[in-house]
Amino acid sequence: MSDVSLSFDPGVRHVKAWSEYWAKLNGDDEITTADPQLTPLGKQRAQEAHAAWEEERPFGIPLPEKLYTSPLTRAIHTHQLTFDGVFPPSGPKPIMVENAREHNGVHTCDKRRTRSEIYASFPEYYFENGFTENDELWKPDYRETYDDIDRRAMHVLDMIFHNDTETFVSITSHGGFIGGFLRMCKHRPWYLPTGGIIPLVVKGSVVETPLRH
């Protein structure tokens, strides 16, 4: 059984006009929209999440034993602010997981930077095995469906249950991915506000498939 604590990435909610035009561009002469930084509101909400962890620590809240995060910049910044000072230096090291990223495709804000650029900015973060130099998931002409997101969420669940022995696992991600994760866990629909944290108890069972003769 694994307790999965999901920390929501405080990203910007896009209005329709943004999605139809600006979301498909890399920005203009003044701003860059590809894999943007965390907004001031996002920083504030991440700091509130950090305060919540600190407030509960004296009462024995279990700290995550394994830390995963989306490789998008705003998610990594959220993770940094949320868990700043929560763990000792010998604590778990965060691992970036490609499949834990936001609703993908078309919108340039959901295209990640290269592995080299991410490492230059966040050298203390680890990459999962097989993490490629360039973003091979983002497509300029295809926006993921909910089924696509659900499959990615299931891959993350399978990874956790197949590879991890820890009980308490944290995933810092985005609204689109978290929605898929909840669907794959058969959880009722749940709106997670910006900077919110949702605790889940997830039980995995091995299903024996009869051999065909």
N, C-alpha and C. Protein backbone atom coordinates (compact mmCIF):
# COMPACT_ATOMS: atom_id res chain seq x y z
N MET A 1 0.85 -1.19 0.00
CA MET A 1 0.00 0.00 0.00
C MET A 1 0.89 1.24 0.00
N SER A 2 0.51 2.23 -0.72
CA SER A 2 1.32 3.43 -0.85
C SER A 2 0.46 4.66 -0.67
N ASP A 3 0.90 5.58 0.18
CA ASP A 3 0.21 6.84 0.38
C ASP A 3 0.82 7.85 -0.56
N VAL A 4 0.07 8.34 -1.52
CA VAL A 4 0.60 9.26 -2.52
C VAL A 4 0.10 10.66 -2.23
N SER A 5 1.01 11.55 -1.83
CA SER A 5 0.66 12.94 -1.56
C SER A 5 0.96 13.76 -2.80
N LEU A 6 -0.07 14.33 -3.39
CA LEU A 6 0.11 15.08 -4.63
C LEU A 6 0.12 16.57 -4.35
N SER A 7 1.18 17.25 -4.74
CA SER A 7 1.26 18.70 -4.58
C SER A 7 1.00 19.36 -5.92
N PHE A 8 0.00 20.21 -5.98
CA PHE A 8 -0.41 20.80 -7.25
C PHE A 8 0.50 21.95 -7.66
N ASP A 9 0.87 21.94 -8.90
CA ASP A 9 1.69 23.02 -9.46
C ASP A 9 0.85 24.27 -9.65
N PRO A 10 1.18 25.36 -8.97
CA PRO A 10 0.40 26.59 -9.13
C PRO A 10 0.73 27.27 -10.45
N GLY A 11 0.17 26.83 -11.52
CA GLY A 11 0.37 27.46 -12.81
C GLY A 11 -0.72 28.47 -13.09
N VAL A 12 -0.61 29.13 -14.22
CA VAL A 12 -1.58 30.15 -14.59
C VAL A 12 -2.77 29.49 -15.29
N ARG A 13 -3.99 29.87 -14.91
CA ARG A 13 -5.18 29.40 -15.61
C ARG A 13 -5.33 30.22 -16.89
N HIS A 14 -5.37 29.56 -18.06
CA HIS A 14 -5.43 30.26 -19.33
C HIS A 14 -6.87 30.47 -19.78
N VAL A 15 -7.17 31.68 -20.26
CA VAL A 15 -8.49 31.93 -20.81
C VAL A 15 -8.51 31.46 -22.27
N LYS A 16 -9.68 31.39 -22.86
CA LYS A 16 -9.83 30.81 -24.20
C LYS A 16 -9.00 31.54 -25.24
N ALA A 17 -8.99 32.86 -25.23
CA ALA A 17 -8.25 33.61 -26.25
C ALA A 17 -6.77 33.28 -26.18
N TRP A 18 -6.24 33.10 -24.97
CA TRP A 18 -4.84 32.73 -24.80
C TRP A 18 -4.60 31.36 -25.45
N SER A 19 -5.48 30.41 -25.18
CA SER A 19 -5.30 29.06 -25.70
C SER A 19 -5.33 29.03 -27.22
N GLU A 20 -6.16 29.85 -27.83
CA GLU A 20 -6.32 29.79 -29.27
C GLU A 20 -5.17 30.46 -30.03
N TYR A 21 -4.46 31.37 -29.40
CA TYR A 21 -3.41 32.07 -30.13
C TYR A 21 -2.07 32.03 -29.40
N TRP A 22 -1.97 32.75 -28.27
CA TRP A 22 -0.69 32.91 -27.61
C TRP A 22 -0.12 31.61 -27.07
N ALA A 23 -1.00 30.69 -26.63
CA ALA A 23 -0.51 29.44 -26.05
C ALA A 23 0.27 28.59 -27.05
N LYS A 24 0.08 28.86 -28.34
CA LYS A 24 0.76 28.08 -29.37
C LYS A 24 2.10 28.70 -29.78
N LEU A 25 2.43 29.87 -29.23
CA LEU A 25 3.67 30.57 -29.59
C LEU A 25 4.69 30.46 -28.47
N ASN A 26 5.95 30.76 -28.80
CA ASN A 26 7.01 30.77 -27.80
C ASN A 26 7.13 32.11 -27.10
N GLY A 27 6.21 33.04 -27.40
CA GLY A 27 6.25 34.36 -26.78
C GLY A 27 6.44 35.44 -27.81
N ASP A 28 6.92 36.58 -27.35
CA ASP A 28 7.20 37.69 -28.26
C ASP A 28 8.54 38.31 -27.88
N ASP A 29 8.73 39.59 -28.22
CA ASP A 29 10.01 40.22 -27.93
C ASP A 29 10.22 40.48 -26.44
N GLU A 30 9.16 40.41 -25.65
CA GLU A 30 9.27 40.76 -24.24
C GLU A 30 9.15 39.56 -23.30
N ILE A 31 8.40 38.54 -23.68
CA ILE A 31 8.19 37.39 -22.79
C ILE A 31 8.41 36.08 -23.53
N THR A 32 8.73 35.04 -22.77
CA THR A 32 8.85 33.69 -23.30
C THR A 32 7.82 32.82 -22.62
N THR A 33 6.99 32.13 -23.40
CA THR A 33 5.92 31.33 -22.81
C THR A 33 6.30 29.86 -22.68
N ALA A 34 7.35 29.41 -23.38
CA ALA A 34 7.74 28.00 -23.30
C ALA A 34 8.28 27.70 -21.91
N ASP A 35 7.73 26.66 -21.26
CA ASP A 35 8.15 26.22 -19.93
C ASP A 35 8.41 27.42 -19.02
N PRO A 36 7.37 28.20 -18.71
CA PRO A 36 7.55 29.45 -17.97
C PRO A 36 7.91 29.25 -16.50
N GLN A 37 8.37 30.34 -15.91
CA GLN A 37 8.69 30.35 -14.48
C GLN A 37 7.41 30.35 -13.65
N LEU A 38 7.55 30.08 -12.38
CA LEU A 38 6.43 30.13 -11.45
C LEU A 38 5.99 31.59 -11.28
N THR A 39 4.70 31.83 -11.28
CA THR A 39 4.17 33.19 -11.13
C THR A 39 4.26 33.64 -9.67
N PRO A 40 4.16 34.94 -9.40
CA PRO A 40 4.13 35.41 -8.00
C PRO A 40 3.02 34.74 -7.18
N LEU A 41 1.85 34.57 -7.79
CA LEU A 41 0.77 33.87 -7.07
C LEU A 41 1.18 32.43 -6.79
N GLY A 42 1.81 31.78 -7.76
CA GLY A 42 2.26 30.41 -7.56
C GLY A 42 3.25 30.31 -6.42
N LYS A 43 4.19 31.26 -6.35
CA LYS A 43 5.16 31.26 -5.24
C LYS A 43 4.46 31.42 -3.90
N GLN A 44 3.47 32.31 -3.86
CA GLN A 44 2.74 32.52 -2.61
C GLN A 44 2.03 31.25 -2.17
N ARG A 45 1.38 30.56 -3.11
CA ARG A 45 0.64 29.35 -2.75
C ARG A 45 1.58 28.22 -2.35
N ALA A 46 2.75 28.13 -3.00
CA ALA A 46 3.72 27.11 -2.63
C ALA A 46 4.26 27.37 -1.22
N GLN A 47 4.46 28.63 -0.88
CA GLN A 47 4.90 28.98 0.47
C GLN A 47 3.83 28.66 1.51
N GLU A 48 2.57 28.79 1.11
CA GLU A 48 1.48 28.40 2.02
C GLU A 48 1.47 26.89 2.23
N ALA A 49 1.76 26.14 1.17
CA ALA A 49 1.85 24.68 1.31
C ALA A 49 3.01 24.31 2.24
N HIS A 50 4.12 25.02 2.10
CA HIS A 50 5.26 24.80 2.99
C HIS A 50 4.88 25.06 4.44
N ALA A 51 4.16 26.15 4.66
CA ALA A 51 3.73 26.48 6.03
C ALA A 51 2.83 25.39 6.60
N ALA A 52 2.01 24.79 5.76
CA ALA A 52 1.13 23.72 6.22
C ALA A 52 1.93 22.50 6.67
N TRP A 53 2.98 22.14 5.90
CA TRP A 53 3.84 21.04 6.32
C TRP A 53 4.51 21.34 7.65
N GLU A 54 5.03 22.55 7.79
CA GLU A 54 5.71 22.92 9.03
C GLU A 54 4.74 22.93 10.21
N GLU A 55 3.53 23.34 9.98
CA GLU A 55 2.54 23.39 11.05
C GLU A 55 2.18 21.99 11.55
N GLU A 56 2.17 21.01 10.64
CA GLU A 56 1.77 19.65 11.01
C GLU A 56 2.92 18.79 11.53
N ARG A 57 4.16 19.19 11.30
CA ARG A 57 5.29 18.36 11.70
C ARG A 57 5.32 18.08 13.21
N PRO A 58 5.03 19.07 14.08
CA PRO A 58 5.05 18.76 15.52
C PRO A 58 4.03 17.71 15.94
N PHE A 59 3.03 17.47 15.09
CA PHE A 59 1.99 16.50 15.43
C PHE A 59 2.25 15.14 14.79
N GLY A 60 3.44 14.97 14.19
CA GLY A 60 3.84 13.66 13.70
C GLY A 60 3.37 13.30 12.31
N ILE A 61 3.06 14.28 11.47
CA ILE A 61 2.67 13.95 10.11
C ILE A 61 3.80 13.19 9.42
N PRO A 62 3.51 12.07 8.77
CA PRO A 62 4.58 11.32 8.09
C PRO A 62 5.14 12.13 6.92
N LEU A 63 6.44 12.27 6.87
CA LEU A 63 7.07 12.95 5.75
C LEU A 63 7.22 11.98 4.58
N PRO A 64 7.13 12.48 3.35
CA PRO A 64 7.34 11.60 2.20
C PRO A 64 8.72 10.95 2.25
N GLU A 65 8.76 9.67 1.88
CA GLU A 65 10.01 8.94 1.82
C GLU A 65 10.58 8.89 0.40
N LYS A 66 9.74 9.24 -0.56
CA LYS A 66 10.15 9.29 -1.96
C LYS A 66 9.53 10.53 -2.57
N LEU A 67 10.32 11.27 -3.33
CA LEU A 67 9.87 12.53 -3.90
C LEU A 67 9.97 12.49 -5.42
N TYR A 68 8.84 12.71 -6.08
CA TYR A 68 8.81 12.80 -7.54
C TYR A 68 8.26 14.17 -7.93
N THR A 69 8.68 14.65 -9.09
CA THR A 69 8.16 15.92 -9.59
C THR A 69 8.13 15.91 -11.11
N SER A 70 7.24 16.72 -11.65
CA SER A 70 7.23 16.99 -13.09
C SER A 70 8.53 17.70 -13.45
N PRO A 71 9.03 17.53 -14.68
CA PRO A 71 10.25 18.22 -15.09
C PRO A 71 10.02 19.65 -15.58
N LEU A 72 8.79 20.13 -15.56
CA LEU A 72 8.53 21.51 -15.97
C LEU A 72 8.99 22.48 -14.88
N THR A 73 9.52 23.62 -15.29
CA THR A 73 10.15 24.55 -14.37
C THR A 73 9.23 24.97 -13.25
N ARG A 74 7.98 25.29 -13.55
CA ARG A 74 7.07 25.78 -12.52
C ARG A 74 6.77 24.72 -11.46
N ALA A 75 6.80 23.45 -11.87
CA ALA A 75 6.58 22.37 -10.91
C ALA A 75 7.80 22.19 -10.00
N ILE A 76 8.99 22.27 -10.58
CA ILE A 76 10.21 22.13 -9.78
C ILE A 76 10.32 23.27 -8.77
N HIS A 77 10.01 24.49 -9.20
CA HIS A 77 10.01 25.62 -8.27
C HIS A 77 8.99 25.41 -7.15
N THR A 78 7.83 24.89 -7.50
CA THR A 78 6.81 24.60 -6.50
C THR A 78 7.34 23.60 -5.49
N HIS A 79 7.99 22.57 -5.98
CA HIS A 79 8.56 21.55 -5.10
C HIS A 79 9.62 22.15 -4.18
N GLN A 80 10.49 22.99 -4.73
CA GLN A 80 11.54 23.62 -3.92
C GLN A 80 10.94 24.42 -2.77
N LEU A 81 9.96 25.26 -3.08
CA LEU A 81 9.37 26.13 -2.06
C LEU A 81 8.56 25.33 -1.04
N THR A 82 7.85 24.30 -1.52
CA THR A 82 7.00 23.52 -0.63
C THR A 82 7.81 22.77 0.41
N PHE A 83 8.93 22.19 0.00
CA PHE A 83 9.69 21.32 0.91
C PHE A 83 10.98 21.95 1.41
N ASP A 84 11.14 23.25 1.23
CA ASP A 84 12.35 23.94 1.68
C ASP A 84 12.54 23.77 3.19
N GLY A 85 13.63 23.13 3.59
CA GLY A 85 13.94 22.97 5.01
C GLY A 85 13.14 21.90 5.72
N VAL A 86 12.25 21.21 5.01
CA VAL A 86 11.42 20.19 5.65
C VAL A 86 12.23 18.93 5.93
N PHE A 87 13.18 18.60 5.05
CA PHE A 87 13.97 17.39 5.20
C PHE A 87 15.39 17.72 5.64
N PRO A 88 16.04 16.81 6.38
CA PRO A 88 17.46 16.98 6.69
C PRO A 88 18.29 16.76 5.44
N PRO A 89 19.58 17.14 5.46
CA PRO A 89 20.43 16.94 4.27
C PRO A 89 20.47 15.49 3.80
N SER A 90 20.25 14.55 4.69
CA SER A 90 20.28 13.13 4.31
C SER A 90 18.93 12.63 3.81
N GLY A 91 17.97 13.54 3.66
CA GLY A 91 16.62 13.16 3.26
C GLY A 91 16.54 12.72 1.81
N PRO A 92 15.37 12.32 1.35
CA PRO A 92 15.22 11.81 -0.02
C PRO A 92 15.51 12.89 -1.06
N LYS A 93 16.06 12.46 -2.18
CA LYS A 93 16.37 13.37 -3.27
C LYS A 93 15.25 13.33 -4.31
N PRO A 94 14.77 14.49 -4.74
CA PRO A 94 13.66 14.51 -5.71
C PRO A 94 14.08 14.00 -7.08
N ILE A 95 13.17 13.27 -7.71
CA ILE A 95 13.41 12.68 -9.02
C ILE A 95 12.39 13.23 -10.02
N MET A 96 12.86 13.72 -11.15
CA MET A 96 11.98 14.23 -12.19
C MET A 96 11.48 13.09 -13.06
N VAL A 97 10.17 13.04 -13.25
CA VAL A 97 9.53 11.96 -14.01
C VAL A 97 8.81 12.56 -15.22
N GLU A 98 9.19 12.12 -16.40
CA GLU A 98 8.63 12.67 -17.64
C GLU A 98 7.11 12.53 -17.69
N ASN A 99 6.58 11.39 -17.27
CA ASN A 99 5.15 11.15 -17.38
C ASN A 99 4.31 11.91 -16.35
N ALA A 100 4.96 12.59 -15.42
CA ALA A 100 4.21 13.33 -14.39
C ALA A 100 3.97 14.78 -14.79
N ARG A 101 4.12 15.09 -16.07
CA ARG A 101 4.01 16.48 -16.52
C ARG A 101 2.57 16.85 -16.86
N GLU A 102 2.38 18.10 -17.24
CA GLU A 102 1.06 18.65 -17.50
C GLU A 102 0.45 18.12 -18.80
N HIS A 103 -0.85 18.36 -18.95
CA HIS A 103 -1.59 18.11 -20.19
C HIS A 103 -0.72 18.60 -21.34
N ASN A 104 -0.37 17.75 -22.27
CA ASN A 104 0.75 18.00 -23.17
C ASN A 104 0.32 18.24 -24.62
N GLY A 105 1.15 19.02 -25.32
CA GLY A 105 0.97 19.23 -26.75
C GLY A 105 0.36 20.57 -27.11
N VAL A 106 0.79 21.14 -28.25
CA VAL A 106 0.29 22.39 -28.84
C VAL A 106 0.70 23.61 -28.01
N HIS A 107 0.31 23.66 -26.74
CA HIS A 107 0.62 24.81 -25.90
C HIS A 107 2.11 24.78 -25.52
N THR A 108 2.82 25.85 -25.86
CA THR A 108 4.26 25.87 -25.62
C THR A 108 4.62 25.93 -24.14
N CYS A 109 3.70 26.37 -23.30
CA CYS A 109 3.99 26.42 -21.86
C CYS A 109 4.18 25.01 -21.29
N ASP A 110 3.73 23.99 -22.01
CA ASP A 110 3.84 22.62 -21.54
C ASP A 110 4.99 21.86 -22.19
N LYS A 111 5.82 22.56 -22.93
CA LYS A 111 7.01 21.95 -23.52
C LYS A 111 8.20 22.18 -22.59
N ARG A 112 8.85 21.11 -22.19
CA ARG A 112 9.95 21.27 -21.23
C ARG A 112 11.24 21.70 -21.91
N ARG A 113 12.17 22.16 -21.09
CA ARG A 113 13.50 22.51 -21.57
C ARG A 113 14.32 21.23 -21.79
N THR A 114 15.52 21.39 -22.34
CA THR A 114 16.38 20.24 -22.54
C THR A 114 16.88 19.74 -21.18
N ARG A 115 17.32 18.50 -21.18
CA ARG A 115 17.87 17.91 -19.96
C ARG A 115 19.05 18.74 -19.45
N SER A 116 19.91 19.19 -20.35
CA SER A 116 21.08 19.98 -19.96
C SER A 116 20.67 21.29 -19.30
N GLU A 117 19.64 21.94 -19.86
CA GLU A 117 19.18 23.20 -19.29
C GLU A 117 18.55 22.99 -17.91
N ILE A 118 17.80 21.92 -17.78
CA ILE A 118 17.18 21.62 -16.48
C ILE A 118 18.27 21.36 -15.43
N TYR A 119 19.27 20.57 -15.81
CA TYR A 119 20.35 20.25 -14.87
C TYR A 119 21.12 21.51 -14.46
N ALA A 120 21.33 22.42 -15.41
CA ALA A 120 22.06 23.65 -15.11
C ALA A 120 21.31 24.49 -14.07
N SER A 121 19.98 24.45 -14.11
CA SER A 121 19.17 25.24 -13.17
C SER A 121 18.90 24.51 -11.86
N PHE A 122 18.80 23.17 -11.93
CA PHE A 122 18.42 22.39 -10.74
C PHE A 122 19.35 21.18 -10.59
N PRO A 123 20.63 21.40 -10.31
CA PRO A 123 21.58 20.27 -10.23
C PRO A 123 21.29 19.31 -9.08
N GLU A 124 20.54 19.74 -8.10
CA GLU A 124 20.24 18.87 -6.96
C GLU A 124 19.09 17.90 -7.24
N TYR A 125 18.46 18.03 -8.40
CA TYR A 125 17.36 17.15 -8.77
C TYR A 125 17.87 16.02 -9.66
N TYR A 126 17.35 14.82 -9.43
CA TYR A 126 17.76 13.66 -10.20
C TYR A 126 16.80 13.43 -11.37
N PHE A 127 17.31 12.80 -12.42
CA PHE A 127 16.49 12.41 -13.57
C PHE A 127 16.15 10.93 -13.46
N GLU A 128 14.93 10.58 -13.84
CA GLU A 128 14.59 9.17 -13.91
C GLU A 128 15.41 8.51 -15.00
N ASN A 129 15.54 7.21 -14.94
CA ASN A 129 16.26 6.48 -15.98
C ASN A 129 15.58 6.68 -17.34
N GLY A 130 16.39 6.92 -18.36
CA GLY A 130 15.86 7.09 -19.71
C GLY A 130 15.39 8.49 -20.04
N PHE A 131 15.62 9.45 -19.15
CA PHE A 131 15.20 10.83 -19.41
C PHE A 131 16.03 11.39 -20.57
N THR A 132 15.35 11.80 -21.64
CA THR A 132 16.04 12.20 -22.87
C THR A 132 16.52 13.65 -22.82
N GLU A 133 17.48 13.97 -23.66
CA GLU A 133 17.99 15.34 -23.73
C GLU A 133 16.91 16.30 -24.21
N ASN A 134 16.23 15.96 -25.30
CA ASN A 134 15.18 16.82 -25.84
C ASN A 134 13.80 16.30 -25.47
N ASP A 135 12.83 17.19 -25.50
CA ASP A 135 11.44 16.81 -25.19
C ASP A 135 10.86 16.03 -26.36
N GLU A 136 10.69 14.74 -26.18
CA GLU A 136 10.18 13.89 -27.25
C GLU A 136 8.68 13.61 -27.11
N LEU A 137 8.06 14.14 -26.06
CA LEU A 137 6.63 13.92 -25.85
C LEU A 137 5.77 15.04 -26.42
N TRP A 138 6.26 16.26 -26.36
CA TRP A 138 5.46 17.42 -26.77
C TRP A 138 5.36 17.48 -28.30
N LYS A 139 4.14 17.67 -28.81
CA LYS A 139 3.90 17.77 -30.25
C LYS A 139 3.25 19.12 -30.55
N PRO A 140 3.70 19.82 -31.60
CA PRO A 140 3.13 21.14 -31.90
C PRO A 140 1.73 21.07 -32.50
N ASP A 141 1.34 19.87 -32.98
CA ASP A 141 0.07 19.75 -33.71
C ASP A 141 -0.88 18.71 -33.08
N TYR A 142 -0.57 18.27 -31.88
CA TYR A 142 -1.46 17.29 -31.23
C TYR A 142 -1.56 17.59 -29.74
N ARG A 143 -2.80 17.79 -29.27
CA ARG A 143 -3.07 18.01 -27.85
C ARG A 143 -3.60 16.72 -27.23
N GLU A 144 -3.00 16.29 -26.15
CA GLU A 144 -3.39 15.04 -25.52
C GLU A 144 -4.89 14.99 -25.19
N THR A 145 -5.45 13.80 -25.27
CA THR A 145 -6.81 13.56 -24.80
C THR A 145 -6.74 13.13 -23.34
N TYR A 146 -7.90 13.05 -22.69
CA TYR A 146 -7.93 12.56 -21.31
C TYR A 146 -7.42 11.12 -21.25
N ASP A 147 -7.72 10.33 -22.25
CA ASP A 147 -7.23 8.95 -22.28
C ASP A 147 -5.70 8.92 -22.31
N ASP A 148 -5.10 9.82 -23.06
CA ASP A 148 -3.64 9.90 -23.11
C ASP A 148 -3.07 10.22 -21.72
N ILE A 149 -3.67 11.19 -21.06
CA ILE A 149 -3.20 11.57 -19.72
C ILE A 149 -3.38 10.42 -18.74
N ASP A 150 -4.51 9.75 -18.85
CA ASP A 150 -4.77 8.61 -17.95
C ASP A 150 -3.72 7.53 -18.13
N ARG A 151 -3.30 7.27 -19.36
CA ARG A 151 -2.28 6.26 -19.60
C ARG A 151 -0.95 6.67 -18.97
N ARG A 152 -0.62 7.94 -19.08
CA ARG A 152 0.62 8.41 -18.44
C ARG A 152 0.54 8.27 -16.92
N ALA A 153 -0.61 8.61 -16.35
CA ALA A 153 -0.79 8.48 -14.91
C ALA A 153 -0.66 7.03 -14.47
N MET A 154 -1.21 6.11 -15.27
CA MET A 154 -1.10 4.70 -14.94
C MET A 154 0.35 4.22 -15.02
N HIS A 155 1.11 4.75 -15.97
CA HIS A 155 2.53 4.41 -16.05
C HIS A 155 3.27 4.83 -14.78
N VAL A 156 2.91 6.00 -14.24
CA VAL A 156 3.54 6.47 -13.00
C VAL A 156 3.15 5.57 -11.83
N LEU A 157 1.88 5.21 -11.76
CA LEU A 157 1.44 4.29 -10.71
C LEU A 157 2.18 2.95 -10.81
N ASP A 158 2.28 2.41 -12.01
CA ASP A 158 2.98 1.15 -12.20
C ASP A 158 4.44 1.28 -11.77
N MET A 159 5.07 2.39 -12.12
CA MET A 159 6.46 2.62 -11.74
C MET A 159 6.63 2.59 -10.23
N ILE A 160 5.72 3.26 -9.53
CA ILE A 160 5.82 3.32 -8.07
C ILE A 160 5.68 1.93 -7.45
N PHE A 161 4.65 1.19 -7.88
CA PHE A 161 4.41 -0.11 -7.27
C PHE A 161 5.45 -1.15 -7.68
N HIS A 162 6.04 -1.02 -8.85
CA HIS A 162 7.03 -1.99 -9.30
C HIS A 162 8.42 -1.71 -8.73
N ASN A 163 8.74 -0.43 -8.49
CA ASN A 163 10.11 -0.07 -8.15
C ASN A 163 10.32 0.38 -6.72
N ASP A 164 9.30 0.89 -6.06
CA ASP A 164 9.49 1.53 -4.76
C ASP A 164 9.01 0.65 -3.61
N THR A 165 9.77 0.68 -2.53
CA THR A 165 9.38 -0.02 -1.31
C THR A 165 8.88 0.95 -0.24
N GLU A 166 9.00 2.25 -0.52
CA GLU A 166 8.58 3.25 0.45
C GLU A 166 7.05 3.28 0.59
N THR A 167 6.59 3.71 1.75
CA THR A 167 5.14 3.79 2.01
C THR A 167 4.59 5.15 1.62
N PHE A 168 5.33 6.21 1.93
CA PHE A 168 4.83 7.56 1.70
C PHE A 168 5.57 8.21 0.53
N VAL A 169 4.82 8.53 -0.51
CA VAL A 169 5.39 9.04 -1.76
C VAL A 169 4.72 10.36 -2.11
N SER A 170 5.51 11.34 -2.51
CA SER A 170 4.97 12.64 -2.93
C SER A 170 5.23 12.85 -4.41
N ILE A 171 4.20 13.36 -5.11
CA ILE A 171 4.34 13.73 -6.52
C ILE A 171 3.92 15.19 -6.67
N THR A 172 4.84 16.03 -7.08
CA THR A 172 4.53 17.43 -7.34
C THR A 172 4.25 17.57 -8.83
N SER A 173 3.02 17.93 -9.17
CA SER A 173 2.64 17.92 -10.58
C SER A 173 1.62 19.01 -10.88
N HIS A 174 0.80 18.78 -11.90
CA HIS A 174 -0.09 19.78 -12.46
C HIS A 174 -1.54 19.30 -12.43
N GLY A 175 -2.46 20.24 -12.65
CA GLY A 175 -3.87 19.92 -12.58
C GLY A 175 -4.30 18.83 -13.55
N GLY A 176 -3.80 18.88 -14.79
CA GLY A 176 -4.18 17.89 -15.78
C GLY A 176 -3.72 16.49 -15.39
N PHE A 177 -2.47 16.37 -14.97
CA PHE A 177 -1.95 15.07 -14.57
C PHE A 177 -2.65 14.56 -13.31
N ILE A 178 -2.84 15.44 -12.33
CA ILE A 178 -3.46 15.00 -11.09
C ILE A 178 -4.87 14.50 -11.35
N GLY A 179 -5.59 15.15 -12.27
CA GLY A 179 -6.92 14.68 -12.63
C GLY A 179 -6.87 13.26 -13.17
N GLY A 180 -5.89 12.97 -14.06
CA GLY A 180 -5.73 11.63 -14.59
C GLY A 180 -5.34 10.64 -13.51
N PHE A 181 -4.48 11.06 -12.61
CA PHE A 181 -4.05 10.19 -11.52
C PHE A 181 -5.24 9.79 -10.65
N LEU A 182 -6.09 10.75 -10.32
CA LEU A 182 -7.26 10.45 -9.51
C LEU A 182 -8.22 9.53 -10.24
N ARG A 183 -8.37 9.73 -11.54
CA ARG A 183 -9.25 8.84 -12.31
C ARG A 183 -8.72 7.41 -12.29
N MET A 184 -7.42 7.24 -12.44
CA MET A 184 -6.84 5.90 -12.44
C MET A 184 -6.90 5.24 -11.07
N CYS A 185 -7.01 6.05 -10.03
CA CYS A 185 -7.17 5.51 -8.67
C CYS A 185 -8.64 5.33 -8.29
N LYS A 186 -9.53 5.55 -9.27
CA LYS A 186 -10.98 5.43 -9.04
C LYS A 186 -11.46 6.39 -7.95
N HIS A 187 -10.80 7.52 -7.87
CA HIS A 187 -11.18 8.55 -6.91
C HIS A 187 -12.30 9.40 -7.50
N ARG A 188 -13.17 9.89 -6.67
CA ARG A 188 -14.22 10.78 -7.16
C ARG A 188 -13.60 12.08 -7.68
N PRO A 189 -14.27 12.76 -8.61
CA PRO A 189 -13.72 14.03 -9.12
C PRO A 189 -13.43 15.00 -7.98
N TRP A 190 -12.28 15.64 -8.07
CA TRP A 190 -11.88 16.53 -6.98
C TRP A 190 -11.13 17.71 -7.57
N TYR A 191 -11.62 18.91 -7.28
CA TYR A 191 -10.94 20.11 -7.76
C TYR A 191 -9.86 20.48 -6.76
N LEU A 192 -8.61 20.44 -7.19
CA LEU A 192 -7.50 20.80 -6.33
C LEU A 192 -7.12 22.25 -6.61
N PRO A 193 -7.25 23.13 -5.63
CA PRO A 193 -6.95 24.54 -5.88
C PRO A 193 -5.46 24.76 -6.07
N THR A 194 -5.12 25.91 -6.59
CA THR A 194 -3.72 26.26 -6.78
C THR A 194 -2.97 26.12 -5.46
N GLY A 195 -1.87 25.38 -5.48
CA GLY A 195 -1.06 25.18 -4.28
C GLY A 195 -1.61 24.13 -3.34
N GLY A 196 -2.68 23.44 -3.73
CA GLY A 196 -3.31 22.47 -2.84
C GLY A 196 -2.55 21.15 -2.75
N ILE A 197 -2.83 20.40 -1.70
CA ILE A 197 -2.25 19.08 -1.49
C ILE A 197 -3.38 18.11 -1.21
N ILE A 198 -3.37 16.96 -1.85
CA ILE A 198 -4.39 15.95 -1.61
C ILE A 198 -3.71 14.64 -1.21
N PRO A 199 -4.02 14.11 -0.03
CA PRO A 199 -3.46 12.82 0.38
C PRO A 199 -4.32 11.67 -0.12
N LEU A 200 -3.69 10.63 -0.60
CA LEU A 200 -4.40 9.44 -1.08
C LEU A 200 -3.79 8.20 -0.45
N VAL A 201 -4.62 7.23 -0.14
CA VAL A 201 -4.15 5.91 0.23
C VAL A 201 -4.48 4.99 -0.94
N VAL A 202 -3.44 4.45 -1.57
CA VAL A 202 -3.61 3.66 -2.79
C VAL A 202 -3.17 2.23 -2.52
N LYS A 203 -4.05 1.29 -2.76
CA LYS A 203 -3.73 -0.13 -2.58
C LYS A 203 -3.60 -0.79 -3.95
N GLY A 204 -2.48 -1.45 -4.16
CA GLY A 204 -2.26 -2.15 -5.41
C GLY A 204 -2.33 -3.65 -5.20
N SER A 205 -2.95 -4.37 -6.11
CA SER A 205 -3.07 -5.81 -6.02
C SER A 205 -2.53 -6.46 -7.29
N VAL A 206 -1.89 -7.61 -7.12
CA VAL A 206 -1.39 -8.37 -8.26
C VAL A 206 -2.51 -9.27 -8.75
N VAL A 207 -2.84 -9.16 -10.03
CA VAL A 207 -3.88 -9.96 -10.62
C VAL A 207 -3.24 -11.06 -11.45
N GLU A 208 -3.52 -12.29 -11.10
CA GLU A 208 -2.97 -13.43 -11.84
C GLU A 208 -3.80 -13.67 -13.10
N THR A 209 -3.13 -13.69 -14.23
CA THR A 209 -3.80 -13.95 -15.51
C THR A 209 -3.60 -15.41 -15.88
N PRO A 210 -4.68 -16.16 -16.05
CA PRO A 210 -4.54 -17.59 -16.41
C PRO A 210 -3.79 -17.75 -17.73
N LEU A 211 -2.93 -18.74 -17.78
CA LEU A 211 -2.20 -19.02 -19.01
C LEU A 211 -3.12 -19.68 -20.02
N ARG A 212 -2.97 -19.29 -21.27
CA ARG A 212 -3.76 -19.91 -22.32
C ARG A 212 -3.02 -21.14 -22.88
N HIS A 213 -3.73 -22.21 -23.04
CA HIS A 213 -3.14 -23.45 -23.55
C HIS A 213 -3.46 -23.61 -25.04
